[in-house]
Full PDB file with SEQRES, HELIX, SHEET, SSBOND, CRYST1, ORIGX, SCALE, CONECT and MASTER records, all heavy atoms in Angstrom:
SEQRES   1 A   42  SER LYS PHE GLN ASP VAL LEU VAL PHE GLU SER LYS THR          
SEQRES   2 A   42  TYR GLY ASN VAL LEU VAL LEU ASP GLY VAL ILE GLN VAL          
SEQRES   3 A   42  THR GLU ARG ASP GLU PHE SER TYR GLN GLU MET ILE THR          
SEQRES   4 A   42  HIS PRO ALA                                                  
HELIX    1 AA1 GLU A   31  THR A   39  1                                   9    
SHEET    1 AA1 3 VAL A   6  GLU A  10  0                                        
SHEET    2 AA1 3 ASN A  16  LEU A  20 -1                                        
SHEET    3 AA1 3 VAL A  23  THR A  27 -1                                        
CRYST1    1.000    1.000    1.000  90.00  90.00  90.00 P 1           1          
ORIGX1      1.000000  0.000000  0.000000        0.00000                         
ORIGX2      0.000000  1.000000  0.000000        0.00000                         
ORIGX3      0.000000  0.000000  1.000000        0.00000                         
SCALE1      1.000000  0.000000  0.000000        0.00000                         
SCALE2      0.000000  1.000000  0.000000        0.00000                         
SCALE3      0.000000  0.000000  1.000000        0.00000                         
ATOM      1  N   SER A   1      19.158 -11.769 -37.292  1.00  0.00           N  
ATOM      2  CA  SER A   1      19.734 -10.480 -36.901  1.00  0.00           C  
ATOM      3  C   SER A   1      19.676 -10.369 -35.380  1.00  0.00           C  
ATOM      4  O   SER A   1      19.215 -11.283 -34.698  1.00  0.00           O  
ATOM      5  CB  SER A   1      18.963  -9.332 -37.550  1.00  0.00           C  
ATOM      6  OG  SER A   1      17.776  -9.067 -36.819  1.00  0.00           O  
ATOM      7  N   LYS A   2      20.103  -9.229 -34.885  1.00  0.00           N  
ATOM      8  CA  LYS A   2      20.081  -9.010 -33.439  1.00  0.00           C  
ATOM      9  C   LYS A   2      18.650  -9.017 -32.899  1.00  0.00           C  
ATOM     10  O   LYS A   2      18.416  -9.287 -31.726  1.00  0.00           O  
ATOM     11  CB  LYS A   2      20.743  -7.644 -33.167  1.00  0.00           C  
ATOM     12  CG  LYS A   2      21.139  -7.403 -31.728  1.00  0.00           C  
ATOM     13  CD  LYS A   2      21.925  -6.101 -31.621  1.00  0.00           C  
ATOM     14  CE  LYS A   2      21.718  -5.452 -30.264  1.00  0.00           C  
ATOM     15  NZ  LYS A   2      22.200  -4.063 -30.225  1.00  0.00           N  
ATOM     16  N   PHE A   3      17.679  -8.738 -33.774  1.00  0.00           N  
ATOM     17  CA  PHE A   3      16.293  -8.577 -33.318  1.00  0.00           C  
ATOM     18  C   PHE A   3      15.315  -9.609 -33.849  1.00  0.00           C  
ATOM     19  O   PHE A   3      14.292  -9.857 -33.228  1.00  0.00           O  
ATOM     20  CB  PHE A   3      15.777  -7.186 -33.712  1.00  0.00           C  
ATOM     21  CG  PHE A   3      16.511  -6.076 -33.028  1.00  0.00           C  
ATOM     22  CD1 PHE A   3      17.570  -5.432 -33.664  1.00  0.00           C  
ATOM     23  CD2 PHE A   3      16.180  -5.689 -31.742  1.00  0.00           C  
ATOM     24  CE1 PHE A   3      18.264  -4.418 -33.036  1.00  0.00           C  
ATOM     25  CE2 PHE A   3      16.862  -4.672 -31.108  1.00  0.00           C  
ATOM     26  CZ  PHE A   3      17.914  -4.034 -31.746  1.00  0.00           C  
ATOM     27  N   GLN A   4      15.600 -10.192 -35.037  1.00  0.00           N  
ATOM     28  CA  GLN A   4      14.573 -11.029 -35.657  1.00  0.00           C  
ATOM     29  C   GLN A   4      15.166 -11.959 -36.713  1.00  0.00           C  
ATOM     30  O   GLN A   4      16.298 -11.792 -37.142  1.00  0.00           O  
ATOM     31  CB  GLN A   4      13.477 -10.146 -36.270  1.00  0.00           C  
ATOM     32  CG  GLN A   4      13.985  -9.065 -37.194  1.00  0.00           C  
ATOM     33  CD  GLN A   4      13.075  -7.846 -37.263  1.00  0.00           C  
ATOM     34  OE1 GLN A   4      11.921  -7.880 -36.859  1.00  0.00           O  
ATOM     35  NE2 GLN A   4      13.591  -6.757 -37.791  1.00  0.00           N  
ATOM     36  N   ASP A   5      14.349 -12.920 -37.103  1.00  0.00           N  
ATOM     37  CA  ASP A   5      14.716 -13.826 -38.179  1.00  0.00           C  
ATOM     38  C   ASP A   5      14.418 -13.136 -39.513  1.00  0.00           C  
ATOM     39  O   ASP A   5      13.301 -12.660 -39.732  1.00  0.00           O  
ATOM     40  CB  ASP A   5      13.887 -15.115 -38.048  1.00  0.00           C  
ATOM     41  CG  ASP A   5      14.149 -16.087 -39.177  1.00  0.00           C  
ATOM     42  OD1 ASP A   5      15.070 -16.909 -39.034  1.00  0.00           O  
ATOM     43  OD2 ASP A   5      13.440 -16.026 -40.204  1.00  0.00           O  
ATOM     44  N   VAL A   6      15.414 -13.064 -40.391  1.00  0.00           N  
ATOM     45  CA  VAL A   6      15.283 -12.350 -41.663  1.00  0.00           C  
ATOM     46  C   VAL A   6      15.389 -13.348 -42.814  1.00  0.00           C  
ATOM     47  O   VAL A   6      16.364 -14.101 -42.900  1.00  0.00           O  
ATOM     48  CB  VAL A   6      16.384 -11.273 -41.810  1.00  0.00           C  
ATOM     49  CG1 VAL A   6      16.227 -10.511 -43.129  1.00  0.00           C  
ATOM     50  CG2 VAL A   6      16.365 -10.309 -40.616  1.00  0.00           C  
ATOM     51  N   LEU A   7      14.384 -13.358 -43.685  1.00  0.00           N  
ATOM     52  CA  LEU A   7      14.373 -14.245 -44.847  1.00  0.00           C  
ATOM     53  C   LEU A   7      14.013 -13.430 -46.086  1.00  0.00           C  
ATOM     54  O   LEU A   7      13.103 -12.600 -46.043  1.00  0.00           O  
ATOM     55  CB  LEU A   7      13.315 -15.346 -44.640  1.00  0.00           C  
ATOM     56  CG  LEU A   7      12.848 -16.138 -45.867  1.00  0.00           C  
ATOM     57  CD1 LEU A   7      13.962 -17.022 -46.421  1.00  0.00           C  
ATOM     58  CD2 LEU A   7      11.613 -16.984 -45.526  1.00  0.00           C  
ATOM     59  N   VAL A   8      14.752 -13.646 -47.176  1.00  0.00           N  
ATOM     60  CA  VAL A   8      14.357 -13.093 -48.472  1.00  0.00           C  
ATOM     61  C   VAL A   8      14.331 -14.242 -49.460  1.00  0.00           C  
ATOM     62  O   VAL A   8      15.279 -15.028 -49.531  1.00  0.00           O  
ATOM     63  CB  VAL A   8      15.336 -12.009 -48.982  1.00  0.00           C  
ATOM     64  CG1 VAL A   8      14.818 -11.401 -50.292  1.00  0.00           C  
ATOM     65  CG2 VAL A   8      15.549 -10.915 -47.943  1.00  0.00           C  
ATOM     66  N   PHE A   9      13.236 -14.352 -50.215  1.00  0.00           N  
ATOM     67  CA  PHE A   9      13.203 -15.356 -51.277  1.00  0.00           C  
ATOM     68  C   PHE A   9      12.606 -14.762 -52.549  1.00  0.00           C  
ATOM     69  O   PHE A   9      11.876 -13.768 -52.510  1.00  0.00           O  
ATOM     70  CB  PHE A   9      12.434 -16.622 -50.852  1.00  0.00           C  
ATOM     71  CG  PHE A   9      10.962 -16.451 -50.606  1.00  0.00           C  
ATOM     72  CD1 PHE A   9      10.035 -16.625 -51.637  1.00  0.00           C  
ATOM     73  CD2 PHE A   9      10.477 -16.153 -49.331  1.00  0.00           C  
ATOM     74  CE1 PHE A   9       8.670 -16.488 -51.414  1.00  0.00           C  
ATOM     75  CE2 PHE A   9       9.111 -16.016 -49.096  1.00  0.00           C  
ATOM     76  CZ  PHE A   9       8.205 -16.187 -50.146  1.00  0.00           C  
ATOM     77  N   GLU A  10      12.986 -15.373 -53.666  1.00  0.00           N  
ATOM     78  CA  GLU A  10      12.382 -15.009 -54.946  1.00  0.00           C  
ATOM     79  C   GLU A  10      11.196 -15.939 -55.149  1.00  0.00           C  
ATOM     80  O   GLU A  10      11.347 -17.163 -55.094  1.00  0.00           O  
ATOM     81  CB  GLU A  10      13.407 -15.188 -56.057  1.00  0.00           C  
ATOM     82  CG  GLU A  10      12.892 -14.902 -57.454  1.00  0.00           C  
ATOM     83  CD  GLU A  10      13.822 -15.468 -58.511  1.00  0.00           C  
ATOM     84  OE1 GLU A  10      15.015 -15.079 -58.504  1.00  0.00           O  
ATOM     85  OE2 GLU A  10      13.380 -16.320 -59.307  1.00  0.00           O  
ATOM     86  N   SER A  11      10.025 -15.341 -55.348  1.00  0.00           N  
ATOM     87  CA  SER A  11       8.815 -16.152 -55.497  1.00  0.00           C  
ATOM     88  C   SER A  11       8.491 -16.360 -56.973  1.00  0.00           C  
ATOM     89  O   SER A  11       9.072 -15.706 -57.845  1.00  0.00           O  
ATOM     90  CB  SER A  11       7.633 -15.462 -54.812  1.00  0.00           C  
ATOM     91  OG  SER A  11       7.275 -14.288 -55.538  1.00  0.00           O  
ATOM     92  N   LYS A  12       7.567 -17.243 -57.213  1.00  0.00           N  
ATOM     93  CA  LYS A  12       7.185 -17.540 -58.598  1.00  0.00           C  
ATOM     94  C   LYS A  12       6.358 -16.413 -59.208  1.00  0.00           C  
ATOM     95  O   LYS A  12       6.534 -16.074 -60.377  1.00  0.00           O  
ATOM     96  CB  LYS A  12       6.394 -18.847 -58.640  1.00  0.00           C  
ATOM     97  CG  LYS A  12       6.228 -19.400 -60.038  1.00  0.00           C  
ATOM     98  CD  LYS A  12       5.840 -20.866 -60.015  1.00  0.00           C  
ATOM     99  CE  LYS A  12       5.814 -21.418 -61.438  1.00  0.00           C  
ATOM    100  NZ  LYS A  12       5.468 -22.856 -61.447  1.00  0.00           N  
ATOM    101  N   THR A  13       5.463 -15.810 -58.420  1.00  0.00           N  
ATOM    102  CA  THR A  13       4.526 -14.824 -58.996  1.00  0.00           C  
ATOM    103  C   THR A  13       4.488 -13.474 -58.276  1.00  0.00           C  
ATOM    104  O   THR A  13       3.791 -12.563 -58.740  1.00  0.00           O  
ATOM    105  CB  THR A  13       3.088 -15.393 -59.008  1.00  0.00           C  
ATOM    106  OG1 THR A  13       2.738 -15.819 -57.683  1.00  0.00           O  
ATOM    107  CG2 THR A  13       2.958 -16.568 -59.958  1.00  0.00           C  
ATOM    108  N   TYR A  14       5.211 -13.316 -57.167  1.00  0.00           N  
ATOM    109  CA  TYR A  14       5.158 -12.057 -56.417  1.00  0.00           C  
ATOM    110  C   TYR A  14       6.499 -11.335 -56.330  1.00  0.00           C  
ATOM    111  O   TYR A  14       6.667 -10.431 -55.518  1.00  0.00           O  
ATOM    112  CB  TYR A  14       4.600 -12.302 -55.000  1.00  0.00           C  
ATOM    113  CG  TYR A  14       3.090 -12.367 -54.985  1.00  0.00           C  
ATOM    114  CD1 TYR A  14       2.410 -13.563 -55.209  1.00  0.00           C  
ATOM    115  CD2 TYR A  14       2.328 -11.214 -54.784  1.00  0.00           C  
ATOM    116  CE1 TYR A  14       1.025 -13.615 -55.223  1.00  0.00           C  
ATOM    117  CE2 TYR A  14       0.939 -11.257 -54.800  1.00  0.00           C  
ATOM    118  CZ  TYR A  14       0.296 -12.455 -55.021  1.00  0.00           C  
ATOM    119  OH  TYR A  14      -1.084 -12.486 -55.042  1.00  0.00           O  
ATOM    120  N   GLY A  15       7.463 -11.714 -57.178  1.00  0.00           N  
ATOM    121  CA  GLY A  15       8.773 -11.078 -57.117  1.00  0.00           C  
ATOM    122  C   GLY A  15       9.516 -11.478 -55.854  1.00  0.00           C  
ATOM    123  O   GLY A  15       9.229 -12.522 -55.247  1.00  0.00           O  
ATOM    124  N   ASN A  16      10.462 -10.645 -55.439  1.00  0.00           N  
ATOM    125  CA  ASN A  16      11.196 -10.927 -54.208  1.00  0.00           C  
ATOM    126  C   ASN A  16      10.313 -10.614 -52.998  1.00  0.00           C  
ATOM    127  O   ASN A  16       9.523  -9.667 -53.018  1.00  0.00           O  
ATOM    128  CB  ASN A  16      12.490 -10.104 -54.140  1.00  0.00           C  
ATOM    129  CG  ASN A  16      13.537 -10.618 -55.116  1.00  0.00           C  
ATOM    130  OD1 ASN A  16      13.356 -11.655 -55.753  1.00  0.00           O  
ATOM    131  ND2 ASN A  16      14.636  -9.890 -55.239  1.00  0.00           N  
ATOM    132  N   VAL A  17      10.478 -11.433 -51.949  1.00  0.00           N  
ATOM    133  CA  VAL A  17       9.635 -11.333 -50.758  1.00  0.00           C  
ATOM    134  C   VAL A  17      10.533 -11.217 -49.523  1.00  0.00           C  
ATOM    135  O   VAL A  17      11.460 -12.014 -49.354  1.00  0.00           O  
ATOM    136  CB  VAL A  17       8.735 -12.587 -50.627  1.00  0.00           C  
ATOM    137  CG1 VAL A  17       7.842 -12.493 -49.391  1.00  0.00           C  
ATOM    138  CG2 VAL A  17       7.881 -12.772 -51.886  1.00  0.00           C  
ATOM    139  N   LEU A  18      10.254 -10.215 -48.680  1.00  0.00           N  
ATOM    140  CA  LEU A  18      10.972 -10.035 -47.415  1.00  0.00           C  
ATOM    141  C   LEU A  18      10.078 -10.523 -46.280  1.00  0.00           C  
ATOM    142  O   LEU A  18       8.917 -10.112 -46.171  1.00  0.00           O  
ATOM    143  CB  LEU A  18      11.328  -8.564 -47.196  1.00  0.00           C  
ATOM    144  CG  LEU A  18      11.850  -8.171 -45.808  1.00  0.00           C  
ATOM    145  CD1 LEU A  18      13.215  -8.801 -45.527  1.00  0.00           C  
ATOM    146  CD2 LEU A  18      11.944  -6.649 -45.663  1.00  0.00           C  
ATOM    147  N   VAL A  19      10.648 -11.401 -45.431  1.00  0.00           N  
ATOM    148  CA  VAL A  19       9.904 -12.013 -44.330  1.00  0.00           C  
ATOM    149  C   VAL A  19      10.673 -11.788 -43.027  1.00  0.00           C  
ATOM    150  O   VAL A  19      11.878 -12.020 -42.972  1.00  0.00           O  
ATOM    151  CB  VAL A  19       9.741 -13.541 -44.577  1.00  0.00           C  
ATOM    152  CG1 VAL A  19       9.010 -14.207 -43.421  1.00  0.00           C  
ATOM    153  CG2 VAL A  19       9.024 -13.800 -45.897  1.00  0.00           C  
ATOM    154  N   LEU A  20       9.999 -11.319 -41.983  1.00  0.00           N  
ATOM    155  CA  LEU A  20      10.618 -11.142 -40.663  1.00  0.00           C  
ATOM    156  C   LEU A  20       9.863 -11.994 -39.653  1.00  0.00           C  
ATOM    157  O   LEU A  20       8.636 -11.910 -39.553  1.00  0.00           O  
ATOM    158  CB  LEU A  20      10.581  -9.672 -40.237  1.00  0.00           C  
ATOM    159  CG  LEU A  20      11.312  -8.684 -41.145  1.00  0.00           C  
ATOM    160  CD1 LEU A  20      11.136  -7.259 -40.627  1.00  0.00           C  
ATOM    161  CD2 LEU A  20      12.802  -9.017 -41.262  1.00  0.00           C  
ATOM    162  N   ASP A  21      10.600 -12.812 -38.917  1.00  0.00           N  
ATOM    163  CA  ASP A  21       9.991 -13.702 -37.915  1.00  0.00           C  
ATOM    164  C   ASP A  21       8.812 -14.490 -38.496  1.00  0.00           C  
ATOM    165  O   ASP A  21       7.759 -14.633 -37.863  1.00  0.00           O  
ATOM    166  CB  ASP A  21       9.544 -12.913 -36.680  1.00  0.00           C  
ATOM    167  CG  ASP A  21      10.730 -12.532 -35.790  1.00  0.00           C  
ATOM    168  OD1 ASP A  21      11.819 -13.129 -35.953  1.00  0.00           O  
ATOM    169  OD2 ASP A  21      10.580 -11.625 -34.949  1.00  0.00           O  
ATOM    170  N   GLY A  22       8.977 -14.965 -39.727  1.00  0.00           N  
ATOM    171  CA  GLY A  22       7.961 -15.812 -40.352  1.00  0.00           C  
ATOM    172  C   GLY A  22       6.781 -15.073 -40.942  1.00  0.00           C  
ATOM    173  O   GLY A  22       5.854 -15.687 -41.462  1.00  0.00           O  
ATOM    174  N   VAL A  23       6.800 -13.719 -40.881  1.00  0.00           N  
ATOM    175  CA  VAL A  23       5.670 -12.903 -41.336  1.00  0.00           C  
ATOM    176  C   VAL A  23       6.083 -12.075 -42.559  1.00  0.00           C  
ATOM    177  O   VAL A  23       7.100 -11.373 -42.530  1.00  0.00           O  
ATOM    178  CB  VAL A  23       5.186 -11.964 -40.200  1.00  0.00           C  
ATOM    179  CG1 VAL A  23       4.084 -11.037 -40.691  1.00  0.00           C  
ATOM    180  CG2 VAL A  23       4.708 -12.789 -39.002  1.00  0.00           C  
ATOM    181  N   ILE A  24       5.282 -12.144 -43.624  1.00  0.00           N  
ATOM    182  CA  ILE A  24       5.559 -11.386 -44.849  1.00  0.00           C  
ATOM    183  C   ILE A  24       5.522  -9.886 -44.553  1.00  0.00           C  
ATOM    184  O   ILE A  24       4.538  -9.374 -44.002  1.00  0.00           O  
ATOM    185  CB  ILE A  24       4.513 -11.716 -45.934  1.00  0.00           C  
ATOM    186  CG1 ILE A  24       4.601 -13.195 -46.335  1.00  0.00           C  
ATOM    187  CG2 ILE A  24       4.698 -10.811 -47.157  1.00  0.00           C  
ATOM    188  CD1 ILE A  24       3.387 -13.690 -47.124  1.00  0.00           C  
ATOM    189  N   GLN A  25       6.586  -9.189 -44.937  1.00  0.00           N  
ATOM    190  CA  GLN A  25       6.634  -7.726 -44.793  1.00  0.00           C  
ATOM    191  C   GLN A  25       6.316  -7.038 -46.110  1.00  0.00           C  
ATOM    192  O   GLN A  25       5.528  -6.095 -46.141  1.00  0.00           O  
ATOM    193  CB  GLN A  25       8.025  -7.284 -44.294  1.00  0.00           C  
ATOM    194  CG  GLN A  25       8.445  -7.934 -42.997  1.00  0.00           C  
ATOM    195  CD  GLN A  25       7.525  -7.603 -41.843  1.00  0.00           C  
ATOM    196  OE1 GLN A  25       7.256  -6.429 -41.554  1.00  0.00           O  
ATOM    197  NE2 GLN A  25       7.018  -8.618 -41.159  1.00  0.00           N  
ATOM    198  N   VAL A  26       6.973  -7.462 -47.181  1.00  0.00           N  
ATOM    199  CA  VAL A  26       6.692  -6.886 -48.502  1.00  0.00           C  
ATOM    200  C   VAL A  26       6.921  -7.934 -49.577  1.00  0.00           C  
ATOM    201  O   VAL A  26       7.764  -8.828 -49.419  1.00  0.00           O  
ATOM    202  CB  VAL A  26       7.586  -5.659 -48.848  1.00  0.00           C  
ATOM    203  CG1 VAL A  26       7.296  -4.483 -47.961  1.00  0.00           C  
ATOM    204  CG2 VAL A  26       9.057  -5.999 -48.811  1.00  0.00           C  
ATOM    205  N   THR A  27       6.165  -7.809 -50.659  1.00  0.00           N  
ATOM    206  CA  THR A  27       6.507  -8.503 -51.897  1.00  0.00           C  
ATOM    207  C   THR A  27       6.579  -7.430 -52.984  1.00  0.00           C  
ATOM    208  O   THR A  27       5.858  -6.424 -52.921  1.00  0.00           O  
ATOM    209  CB  THR A  27       5.479  -9.575 -52.316  1.00  0.00           C  
ATOM    210  OG1 THR A  27       4.412  -8.942 -53.046  1.00  0.00           O  
ATOM    211  CG2 THR A  27       4.912 -10.330 -51.123  1.00  0.00           C  
ATOM    212  N   GLU A  28       7.453  -7.649 -53.959  1.00  0.00           N  
ATOM    213  CA  GLU A  28       7.631  -6.639 -55.002  1.00  0.00           C  
ATOM    214  C   GLU A  28       6.348  -6.402 -55.808  1.00  0.00           C  
ATOM    215  O   GLU A  28       6.132  -5.324 -56.327  1.00  0.00           O  
ATOM    216  CB  GLU A  28       8.770  -7.061 -55.938  1.00  0.00           C  
ATOM    217  CG  GLU A  28      10.136  -6.938 -55.283  1.00  0.00           C  
ATOM    218  CD  GLU A  28      11.267  -7.299 -56.241  1.00  0.00           C  
ATOM    219  OE1 GLU A  28      11.247  -8.393 -56.823  1.00  0.00           O  
ATOM    220  OE2 GLU A  28      12.182  -6.461 -56.391  1.00  0.00           O  
ATOM    221  N   ARG A  29       5.499  -7.406 -55.900  1.00  0.00           N  
ATOM    222  CA  ARG A  29       4.304  -7.272 -56.733  1.00  0.00           C  
ATOM    223  C   ARG A  29       3.243  -6.345 -56.131  1.00  0.00           C  
ATOM    224  O   ARG A  29       2.612  -5.565 -56.844  1.00  0.00           O  
ATOM    225  CB  ARG A  29       3.693  -8.656 -56.976  1.00  0.00           C  
ATOM    226  CG  ARG A  29       2.411  -8.621 -57.780  1.00  0.00           C  
ATOM    227  CD  ARG A  29       1.918 -10.035 -58.052  1.00  0.00           C  
ATOM    228  NE  ARG A  29       0.553 -10.054 -58.576  1.00  0.00           N  
ATOM    229  CZ  ARG A  29      -0.136 -11.166 -58.795  1.00  0.00           C  
ATOM    230  NH1 ARG A  29       0.415 -12.340 -58.537  1.00  0.00           N  
ATOM    231  NH2 ARG A  29      -1.354 -11.107 -59.259  1.00  0.00           N  
ATOM    232  N   ASP A  30       3.034  -6.418 -54.820  1.00  0.00           N  
ATOM    233  CA  ASP A  30       1.900  -5.667 -54.250  1.00  0.00           C  
ATOM    234  C   ASP A  30       2.280  -4.612 -53.218  1.00  0.00           C  
ATOM    235  O   ASP A  30       1.404  -3.961 -52.654  1.00  0.00           O  
ATOM    236  CB  ASP A  30       0.848  -6.633 -53.670  1.00  0.00           C  
ATOM    237  CG  ASP A  30       1.356  -7.443 -52.476  1.00  0.00           C  
ATOM    238  OD1 ASP A  30       2.498  -7.222 -52.029  1.00  0.00           O  
ATOM    239  OD2 ASP A  30       0.596  -8.309 -51.997  1.00  0.00           O  
ATOM    240  N   GLU A  31       3.580  -4.395 -52.982  1.00  0.00           N  
ATOM    241  CA  GLU A  31       3.966  -3.479 -51.903  1.00  0.00           C  
ATOM    242  C   GLU A  31       3.454  -2.051 -52.106  1.00  0.00           C  
ATOM    243  O   GLU A  31       3.200  -1.331 -51.146  1.00  0.00           O  
ATOM    244  CB  GLU A  31       5.490  -3.482 -51.698  1.00  0.00           C  
ATOM    245  CG  GLU A  31       6.348  -3.215 -52.937  1.00  0.00           C  
ATOM    246  CD  GLU A  31       6.612  -1.747 -53.231  1.00  0.00           C  
ATOM    247  OE1 GLU A  31       6.251  -0.892 -52.402  1.00  0.00           O  
ATOM    248  OE2 GLU A  31       7.166  -1.464 -54.304  1.00  0.00           O  
ATOM    249  N   PHE A  32       3.300  -1.630 -53.384  1.00  0.00           N  
ATOM    250  CA  PHE A  32       2.878  -0.244 -53.645  1.00  0.00           C  
ATOM    251  C   PHE A  32       1.552   0.086 -52.956  1.00  0.00           C  
ATOM    252  O   PHE A  32       1.322   1.216 -52.528  1.00  0.00           O  
ATOM    253  CB  PHE A  32       2.768   0.009 -55.155  1.00  0.00           C  
ATOM    254  CG  PHE A  32       1.606  -0.698 -55.803  1.00  0.00           C  
ATOM    255  CD1 PHE A  32       0.367  -0.076 -55.910  1.00  0.00           C  
ATOM    256  CD2 PHE A  32       1.750  -1.993 -56.294  1.00  0.00           C  
ATOM    257  CE1 PHE A  32      -0.713  -0.744 -56.488  1.00  0.00           C  
ATOM    258  CE2 PHE A  32       0.676  -2.655 -56.882  1.00  0.00           C  
ATOM    259  CZ  PHE A  32      -0.561  -2.039 -56.974  1.00  0.00           C  
ATOM    260  N   SER A  33       0.667  -0.909 -52.861  1.00  0.00           N  
ATOM    261  CA  SER A  33      -0.652  -0.664 -52.284  1.00  0.00           C  
ATOM    262  C   SER A  33      -0.539  -0.186 -50.840  1.00  0.00           C  
ATOM    263  O   SER A  33      -1.269   0.719 -50.404  1.00  0.00           O  
ATOM    264  CB  SER A  33      -1.480  -1.951 -52.349  1.00  0.00           C  
ATOM    265  OG  SER A  33      -2.747  -1.756 -51.768  1.00  0.00           O  
ATOM    266  N   TYR A  34       0.382  -0.785 -50.106  1.00  0.00           N  
ATOM    267  CA  TYR A  34       0.608  -0.400 -48.709  1.00  0.00           C  
ATOM    268  C   TYR A  34       1.389   0.914 -48.616  1.00  0.00           C  
ATOM    269  O   TYR A  34       0.996   1.836 -47.894  1.00  0.00           O  
ATOM    270  CB  TYR A  34       1.358  -1.528 -48.007  1.00  0.00           C  
ATOM    271  CG  TYR A  34       1.794  -1.207 -46.598  1.00  0.00           C  
ATOM    272  CD1 TYR A  34       0.928  -1.369 -45.522  1.00  0.00           C  
ATOM    273  CD2 TYR A  34       3.089  -0.751 -46.336  1.00  0.00           C  
ATOM    274  CE1 TYR A  34       1.334  -1.085 -44.228  1.00  0.00           C  
ATOM    275  CE2 TYR A  34       3.503  -0.460 -45.048  1.00  0.00           C  
ATOM    276  CZ  TYR A  34       2.617  -0.621 -43.995  1.00  0.00           C  
ATOM    277  OH  TYR A  34       3.020  -0.334 -42.717  1.00  0.00           O  
ATOM    278  N   GLN A  35       2.517   1.012 -49.337  1.00  0.00           N  
ATOM    279  CA  GLN A  35       3.379   2.204 -49.225  1.00  0.00           C  
ATOM    280  C   GLN A  35       2.611   3.480 -49.579  1.00  0.00           C  
ATOM    281  O   GLN A  35       2.733   4.498 -48.906  1.00  0.00           O  
ATOM    282  CB  GLN A  35       4.605   2.119 -50.150  1.00  0.00           C  
ATOM    283  CG  GLN A  35       5.264   0.766 -50.279  1.00  0.00           C  
ATOM    284  CD  GLN A  35       5.819   0.212 -48.995  1.00  0.00           C  
ATOM    285  OE1 GLN A  35       6.064   0.951 -48.045  1.00  0.00           O  
ATOM    286  NE2 GLN A  35       6.015  -1.087 -48.946  1.00  0.00           N  
ATOM    287  N   GLU A  36       1.825   3.405 -50.669  1.00  0.00           N  
ATOM    288  CA  GLU A  36       1.110   4.601 -51.113  1.00  0.00           C  
ATOM    289  C   GLU A  36       0.057   5.029 -50.095  1.00  0.00           C  
ATOM    290  O   GLU A  36      -0.106   6.215 -49.808  1.00  0.00           O  
ATOM    291  CB  GLU A  36       0.447   4.341 -52.477  1.00  0.00           C  
ATOM    292  CG  GLU A  36       1.467   4.208 -53.604  1.00  0.00           C  
ATOM    293  CD  GLU A  36       0.846   3.842 -54.950  1.00  0.00           C  
ATOM    294  OE1 GLU A  36      -0.403   3.815 -55.045  1.00  0.00           O  
ATOM    295  OE2 GLU A  36       1.612   3.576 -55.889  1.00  0.00           O  
ATOM    296  N   MET A  37      -0.641   4.041 -49.509  1.00  0.00           N  
ATOM    297  CA  MET A  37      -1.735   4.398 -48.600  1.00  0.00           C  
ATOM    298  C   MET A  37      -1.262   4.845 -47.220  1.00  0.00           C  
ATOM    299  O   MET A  37      -1.906   5.672 -46.570  1.00  0.00           O  
ATOM    300  CB  MET A  37      -2.706   3.226 -48.457  1.00  0.00           C  
ATOM    301  CG  MET A  37      -3.773   3.196 -49.536  1.00  0.00           C  
ATOM    302  SD  MET A  37      -4.823   4.666 -49.551  1.00  0.00           S  
ATOM    303  CE  MET A  37      -5.790   4.415 -48.063  1.00  0.00           C  
ATOM    304  N   ILE A  38      -0.126   4.312 -46.764  1.00  0.00           N  
ATOM    305  CA  ILE A  38       0.348   4.757 -45.443  1.00  0.00           C  
ATOM    306  C   ILE A  38       0.982   6.157 -45.547  1.00  0.00           C  
ATOM    307  O   ILE A  38       1.095   6.875 -44.555  1.00  0.00           O  
ATOM    308  CB  ILE A  38       1.335   3.743 -44.812  1.00  0.00           C  
ATOM    309  CG1 ILE A  38       1.417   3.964 -43.293  1.00  0.00           C  
ATOM    310  CG2 ILE A  38       2.711   3.792 -45.460  1.00  0.00           C  
ATOM    311  CD1 ILE A  38       2.190   2.884 -42.540  1.00  0.00           C  
ATOM    312  N   THR A  39       1.335   6.556 -46.774  1.00  0.00           N  
ATOM    313  CA  THR A  39       2.057   7.814 -46.977  1.00  0.00           C  
ATOM    314  C   THR A  39       1.164   8.957 -47.470  1.00  0.00           C  
ATOM    315  O   THR A  39       1.100  10.023 -46.854  1.00  0.00           O  
ATOM    316  CB  THR A  39       3.187   7.608 -48.009  1.00  0.00           C  
ATOM    317  OG1 THR A  39       4.021   6.528 -47.589  1.00  0.00           O  
ATOM    318  CG2 THR A  39       4.026   8.879 -48.139  1.00  0.00           C  
ATOM    319  N   HIS A  40       0.483   8.759 -48.601  1.00  0.00           N  
ATOM    320  CA  HIS A  40      -0.127   9.902 -49.292  1.00  0.00           C  
ATOM    321  C   HIS A  40      -1.356  10.501 -48.604  1.00  0.00           C  
ATOM    322  O   HIS A  40      -1.482  11.737 -48.584  1.00  0.00           O  
ATOM    323  CB  HIS A  40      -0.409   9.545 -50.748  1.00  0.00           C  
ATOM    324  CG  HIS A  40       0.835   9.213 -51.510  1.00  0.00           C  
ATOM    325  ND1 HIS A  40       1.932  10.057 -51.555  1.00  0.00           N  
ATOM    326  CD2 HIS A  40       1.190   8.109 -52.217  1.00  0.00           C  
ATOM    327  CE1 HIS A  40       2.893   9.494 -52.279  1.00  0.00           C  
ATOM    328  NE2 HIS A  40       2.474   8.311 -52.683  1.00  0.00           N  
ATOM    329  N   PRO A  41      -2.268   9.717 -48.015  1.00  0.00           N  
ATOM    330  CA  PRO A  41      -3.369  10.383 -47.296  1.00  0.00           C  
ATOM    331  C   PRO A  41      -2.847  11.335 -46.213  1.00  0.00           C  
ATOM    332  O   PRO A  41      -3.399  12.433 -46.022  1.00  0.00           O  
ATOM    333  CB  PRO A  41      -4.156   9.217 -46.689  1.00  0.00           C  
ATOM    334  CG  PRO A  41      -3.906   8.084 -47.641  1.00  0.00           C  
ATOM    335  CD  PRO A  41      -2.468   8.254 -48.068  1.00  0.00           C  
ATOM    336  N   ALA A  42      -1.776  10.955 -45.535  1.00  0.00           N  
ATOM    337  CA  ALA A  42      -1.196  11.820 -44.497  1.00  0.00           C  
ATOM    338  C   ALA A  42      -0.534  13.053 -45.109  1.00  0.00           C  
ATOM    339  O   ALA A  42      -0.801  14.190 -44.712  1.00  0.00           O  
ATOM    340  CB  ALA A  42      -0.178  11.033 -43.673  1.00  0.00           C  
TER     341      ALA A  42                                                      
MASTER        0    0    0    1    3    0    0    6  340    1    0    4          
END                                                                             
């Protein structure tokens, strides 16, 4: 993209995985743990 390298792959055990500049951003299996905690305490 204009800003970063974007990769999406389907993994064997973590569902679809979004990677930016070689760094995992989310996987379908465990993303809820992050989304819920960054949102609900606030």
